[in-house]
Amino acid sequence: AELLGSGFAPIEVKELQKIEAPTLLVTGENSIGLFHRLSDRLAELLPRLDRLDIPRASHMMHEDNALAYNRGVLSFLTVQNKTPTVKTSKMI
């Protein structure tokens, strides 16, 4: 995207690898190949990644197959809600 003058800042691999938040990467089964390649690369770099590929959907997956999209996102959020968090700061 940067080659096309997107205006987006370059993404540093080391910065992506530091992301500790649970991440849901959603793609549409019928999305263009570029989106799938980008998603594959992000899956290699993000340490806490879940993937969701929406069947019968393109880039507008939340409209193309709203039922599958909603179920997948809600499932991810439900799992994250049940996952204990680790406190990193101490109260004084």
N, C-alpha and C. Protein backbone atom coordinates (compact mmCIF):
# COMPACT_ATOMS: atom_id res chain seq x y z
N ALA A 1 0.82 -1.19 0.00
CA ALA A 1 0.00 0.00 0.00
C ALA A 1 0.86 1.25 0.00
N GLU A 2 1.99 1.19 0.67
CA GLU A 2 2.86 2.37 0.74
C GLU A 2 3.40 2.73 -0.64
N LEU A 3 3.61 1.75 -1.48
CA LEU A 3 4.11 2.03 -2.82
C LEU A 3 3.12 2.85 -3.63
N LEU A 4 1.87 2.78 -3.29
CA LEU A 4 0.83 3.52 -3.99
C LEU A 4 0.58 4.89 -3.38
N GLY A 5 1.38 5.26 -2.40
CA GLY A 5 1.20 6.55 -1.76
C GLY A 5 -0.03 6.60 -0.87
N SER A 6 -0.22 5.57 -0.08
CA SER A 6 -1.42 5.44 0.75
C SER A 6 -1.52 6.47 1.86
N GLY A 7 -0.39 7.01 2.26
CA GLY A 7 -0.40 7.93 3.38
C GLY A 7 -0.22 7.24 4.72
N PHE A 8 -0.19 5.91 4.72
CA PHE A 8 0.02 5.16 5.95
C PHE A 8 1.50 5.10 6.28
N ALA A 9 1.81 5.19 7.55
CA ALA A 9 3.20 5.04 7.99
C ALA A 9 3.62 3.58 7.80
N PRO A 10 4.89 3.35 7.49
CA PRO A 10 5.37 1.98 7.35
C PRO A 10 5.18 1.21 8.67
N ILE A 11 4.91 -0.07 8.56
CA ILE A 11 4.71 -0.92 9.73
C ILE A 11 6.01 -1.65 10.02
N GLU A 12 6.48 -1.53 11.24
CA GLU A 12 7.71 -2.19 11.65
C GLU A 12 7.40 -3.57 12.20
N VAL A 13 8.10 -4.57 11.69
CA VAL A 13 7.88 -5.96 12.11
C VAL A 13 8.07 -6.11 13.61
N LYS A 14 9.12 -5.53 14.15
CA LYS A 14 9.39 -5.66 15.59
C LYS A 14 8.27 -5.07 16.44
N GLU A 15 7.65 -4.01 15.94
CA GLU A 15 6.54 -3.40 16.66
C GLU A 15 5.31 -4.31 16.66
N LEU A 16 5.04 -4.94 15.54
CA LEU A 16 3.92 -5.89 15.47
C LEU A 16 4.13 -7.05 16.43
N GLN A 17 5.34 -7.54 16.50
CA GLN A 17 5.64 -8.69 17.34
C GLN A 17 5.52 -8.37 18.83
N LYS A 18 5.49 -7.10 19.18
CA LYS A 18 5.35 -6.68 20.58
C LYS A 18 3.90 -6.59 21.03
N ILE A 19 2.97 -6.65 20.11
CA ILE A 19 1.55 -6.50 20.46
C ILE A 19 1.11 -7.69 21.30
N GLU A 20 0.67 -7.41 22.50
CA GLU A 20 0.28 -8.47 23.43
C GLU A 20 -1.23 -8.67 23.50
N ALA A 21 -1.97 -7.76 22.96
CA ALA A 21 -3.43 -7.87 23.03
C ALA A 21 -3.93 -8.99 22.13
N PRO A 22 -4.92 -9.73 22.58
CA PRO A 22 -5.53 -10.74 21.72
C PRO A 22 -6.10 -10.04 20.47
N THR A 23 -5.85 -10.61 19.32
CA THR A 23 -6.22 -9.98 18.07
C THR A 23 -7.02 -10.96 17.22
N LEU A 24 -8.12 -10.50 16.67
CA LEU A 24 -8.92 -11.30 15.74
C LEU A 24 -8.72 -10.73 14.35
N LEU A 25 -8.20 -11.54 13.47
CA LEU A 25 -7.97 -11.15 12.09
C LEU A 25 -9.08 -11.77 11.24
N VAL A 26 -9.92 -10.93 10.66
CA VAL A 26 -11.09 -11.38 9.92
C VAL A 26 -10.88 -11.12 8.44
N THR A 27 -11.08 -12.15 7.63
CA THR A 27 -11.00 -12.01 6.18
C THR A 27 -12.23 -12.65 5.55
N GLY A 28 -12.54 -12.20 4.36
CA GLY A 28 -13.63 -12.81 3.60
C GLY A 28 -13.06 -13.85 2.65
N GLU A 29 -13.73 -14.97 2.55
CA GLU A 29 -13.29 -16.06 1.68
C GLU A 29 -13.05 -15.57 0.25
N ASN A 30 -13.85 -14.64 -0.22
CA ASN A 30 -13.76 -14.16 -1.60
C ASN A 30 -13.02 -12.83 -1.73
N SER A 31 -12.32 -12.41 -0.68
CA SER A 31 -11.55 -11.17 -0.76
C SER A 31 -10.42 -11.33 -1.77
N ILE A 32 -9.93 -10.22 -2.26
CA ILE A 32 -8.84 -10.27 -3.24
C ILE A 32 -7.59 -10.90 -2.62
N GLY A 33 -6.76 -11.46 -3.46
CA GLY A 33 -5.57 -12.17 -3.01
C GLY A 33 -4.65 -11.34 -2.14
N LEU A 34 -4.55 -10.06 -2.42
CA LEU A 34 -3.69 -9.18 -1.62
C LEU A 34 -4.09 -9.22 -0.15
N PHE A 35 -5.39 -9.18 0.13
CA PHE A 35 -5.84 -9.21 1.53
C PHE A 35 -5.46 -10.52 2.21
N HIS A 36 -5.54 -11.62 1.48
CA HIS A 36 -5.17 -12.91 2.05
C HIS A 36 -3.66 -12.98 2.32
N ARG A 37 -2.87 -12.43 1.40
CA ARG A 37 -1.42 -12.42 1.62
C ARG A 37 -1.04 -11.54 2.80
N LEU A 38 -1.68 -10.39 2.92
CA LEU A 38 -1.42 -9.52 4.08
C LEU A 38 -1.83 -10.21 5.38
N SER A 39 -2.96 -10.88 5.35
CA SER A 39 -3.43 -11.59 6.54
C SER A 39 -2.48 -12.72 6.92
N ASP A 40 -1.98 -13.44 5.93
CA ASP A 40 -1.02 -14.51 6.20
C ASP A 40 0.25 -13.96 6.85
N ARG A 41 0.70 -12.81 6.37
CA ARG A 41 1.91 -12.21 6.94
C ARG A 41 1.65 -11.73 8.37
N LEU A 42 0.51 -11.10 8.60
CA LEU A 42 0.17 -10.67 9.96
C LEU A 42 0.07 -11.87 10.90
N ALA A 43 -0.45 -12.97 10.41
CA ALA A 43 -0.56 -14.18 11.23
C ALA A 43 0.81 -14.69 11.66
N GLU A 44 1.81 -14.47 10.84
CA GLU A 44 3.18 -14.87 11.20
C GLU A 44 3.77 -13.96 12.28
N LEU A 45 3.31 -12.73 12.34
CA LEU A 45 3.95 -11.72 13.19
C LEU A 45 3.24 -11.46 14.52
N LEU A 46 1.93 -11.56 14.54
CA LEU A 46 1.19 -11.23 15.76
C LEU A 46 1.16 -12.44 16.69
N PRO A 47 1.64 -12.28 17.91
CA PRO A 47 1.79 -13.42 18.81
C PRO A 47 0.48 -14.00 19.35
N ARG A 48 -0.56 -13.22 19.48
CA ARG A 48 -1.82 -13.71 20.07
C ARG A 48 -2.96 -13.52 19.08
N LEU A 49 -2.86 -14.22 17.98
CA LEU A 49 -3.78 -14.02 16.87
C LEU A 49 -4.73 -15.18 16.69
N ASP A 50 -5.99 -14.86 16.50
CA ASP A 50 -6.99 -15.82 16.05
C ASP A 50 -7.44 -15.36 14.68
N ARG A 51 -7.71 -16.33 13.79
CA ARG A 51 -8.15 -15.99 12.44
C ARG A 51 -9.59 -16.43 12.24
N LEU A 52 -10.29 -15.65 11.46
CA LEU A 52 -11.66 -15.95 11.11
C LEU A 52 -11.83 -15.66 9.63
N ASP A 53 -12.13 -16.71 8.85
CA ASP A 53 -12.36 -16.56 7.42
C ASP A 53 -13.86 -16.72 7.19
N ILE A 54 -14.49 -15.68 6.72
CA ILE A 54 -15.95 -15.67 6.56
C ILE A 54 -16.30 -16.27 5.20
N PRO A 55 -17.05 -17.38 5.19
CA PRO A 55 -17.44 -17.98 3.91
C PRO A 55 -18.43 -17.10 3.14
N ARG A 56 -18.39 -17.23 1.83
CA ARG A 56 -19.30 -16.51 0.94
C ARG A 56 -19.28 -15.00 1.21
N ALA A 57 -18.08 -14.48 1.43
CA ALA A 57 -17.96 -13.04 1.73
C ALA A 57 -16.68 -12.49 1.10
N SER A 58 -16.74 -11.21 0.76
CA SER A 58 -15.57 -10.51 0.26
C SER A 58 -15.07 -9.55 1.35
N HIS A 59 -14.52 -8.43 0.94
CA HIS A 59 -13.97 -7.48 1.90
C HIS A 59 -15.05 -6.89 2.81
N MET A 60 -16.27 -6.89 2.35
CA MET A 60 -17.39 -6.36 3.15
C MET A 60 -18.08 -7.52 3.87
N MET A 61 -17.29 -8.34 4.54
CA MET A 61 -17.80 -9.59 5.12
C MET A 61 -18.91 -9.38 6.14
N HIS A 62 -18.88 -8.26 6.83
CA HIS A 62 -19.94 -7.99 7.82
C HIS A 62 -21.29 -7.75 7.16
N GLU A 63 -21.29 -7.42 5.87
CA GLU A 63 -22.54 -7.29 5.12
C GLU A 63 -22.82 -8.54 4.29
N ASP A 64 -21.78 -9.11 3.68
CA ASP A 64 -21.95 -10.26 2.80
C ASP A 64 -22.46 -11.49 3.54
N ASN A 65 -21.97 -11.70 4.75
CA ASN A 65 -22.39 -12.85 5.54
C ASN A 65 -22.41 -12.43 7.01
N ALA A 66 -23.37 -11.61 7.34
CA ALA A 66 -23.46 -11.03 8.68
C ALA A 66 -23.58 -12.09 9.77
N LEU A 67 -24.30 -13.15 9.50
CA LEU A 67 -24.49 -14.19 10.52
C LEU A 67 -23.15 -14.83 10.90
N ALA A 68 -22.37 -15.24 9.91
CA ALA A 68 -21.07 -15.86 10.19
C ALA A 68 -20.12 -14.87 10.84
N TYR A 69 -20.14 -13.63 10.37
CA TYR A 69 -19.29 -12.59 10.95
C TYR A 69 -19.63 -12.36 12.42
N ASN A 70 -20.91 -12.15 12.70
CA ASN A 70 -21.34 -11.89 14.08
C ASN A 70 -21.03 -13.07 15.00
N ARG A 71 -21.30 -14.27 14.54
CA ARG A 71 -21.00 -15.46 15.36
C ARG A 71 -19.51 -15.57 15.66
N GLY A 72 -18.68 -15.34 14.65
CA GLY A 72 -17.24 -15.44 14.84
C GLY A 72 -16.69 -14.40 15.80
N VAL A 73 -17.14 -13.16 15.63
CA VAL A 73 -16.67 -12.08 16.51
C VAL A 73 -17.16 -12.31 17.94
N LEU A 74 -18.41 -12.67 18.10
CA LEU A 74 -18.95 -12.92 19.44
C LEU A 74 -18.25 -14.10 20.11
N SER A 75 -17.93 -15.13 19.36
CA SER A 75 -17.20 -16.27 19.91
C SER A 75 -15.83 -15.84 20.41
N PHE A 76 -15.12 -15.05 19.61
CA PHE A 76 -13.81 -14.54 20.00
C PHE A 76 -13.92 -13.71 21.28
N LEU A 77 -14.90 -12.81 21.33
CA LEU A 77 -15.06 -11.95 22.50
C LEU A 77 -15.43 -12.76 23.74
N THR A 78 -16.23 -13.79 23.57
CA THR A 78 -16.62 -14.64 24.70
C THR A 78 -15.40 -15.34 25.28
N VAL A 79 -14.55 -15.88 24.41
CA VAL A 79 -13.33 -16.54 24.87
C VAL A 79 -12.43 -15.54 25.59
N GLN A 80 -12.29 -14.35 25.03
CA GLN A 80 -11.43 -13.34 25.65
C GLN A 80 -11.97 -12.90 27.00
N ASN A 81 -13.27 -12.85 27.14
CA ASN A 81 -13.90 -12.46 28.39
C ASN A 81 -13.64 -13.49 29.50
N LYS A 82 -13.44 -14.74 29.11
CA LYS A 82 -13.19 -15.81 30.08
C LYS A 82 -11.71 -15.99 30.38
N THR A 83 -10.85 -15.34 29.61
CA THR A 83 -9.42 -15.47 29.79
C THR A 83 -8.96 -14.53 30.90
N PRO A 84 -8.31 -15.08 31.94
CA PRO A 84 -7.83 -14.20 33.02
C PRO A 84 -6.78 -13.22 32.52
N THR A 85 -6.80 -12.05 33.07
CA THR A 85 -5.81 -11.04 32.72
C THR A 85 -4.72 -11.03 33.78
N VAL A 86 -3.56 -10.59 33.37
CA VAL A 86 -2.42 -10.50 34.28
C VAL A 86 -2.22 -9.03 34.62
N LYS A 87 -2.18 -8.73 35.91
CA LYS A 87 -1.93 -7.36 36.33
C LYS A 87 -0.43 -7.09 36.28
N THR A 88 -0.07 -5.96 35.69
CA THR A 88 1.34 -5.63 35.56
C THR A 88 1.77 -4.48 36.47
N SER A 89 0.83 -3.87 37.15
CA SER A 89 1.21 -2.77 38.04
C SER A 89 0.77 -3.08 39.46
N LYS A 90 1.44 -2.47 40.39
CA LYS A 90 1.12 -2.67 41.81
C LYS A 90 0.48 -1.42 42.36
N MET A 91 -0.48 -1.63 43.22
CA MET A 91 -1.12 -0.51 43.91
C MET A 91 -0.24 -0.14 45.12
N ILE A 92 -0.03 1.12 45.33
CA ILE A 92 0.77 1.57 46.48
C ILE A 92 -0.14 2.20 47.49
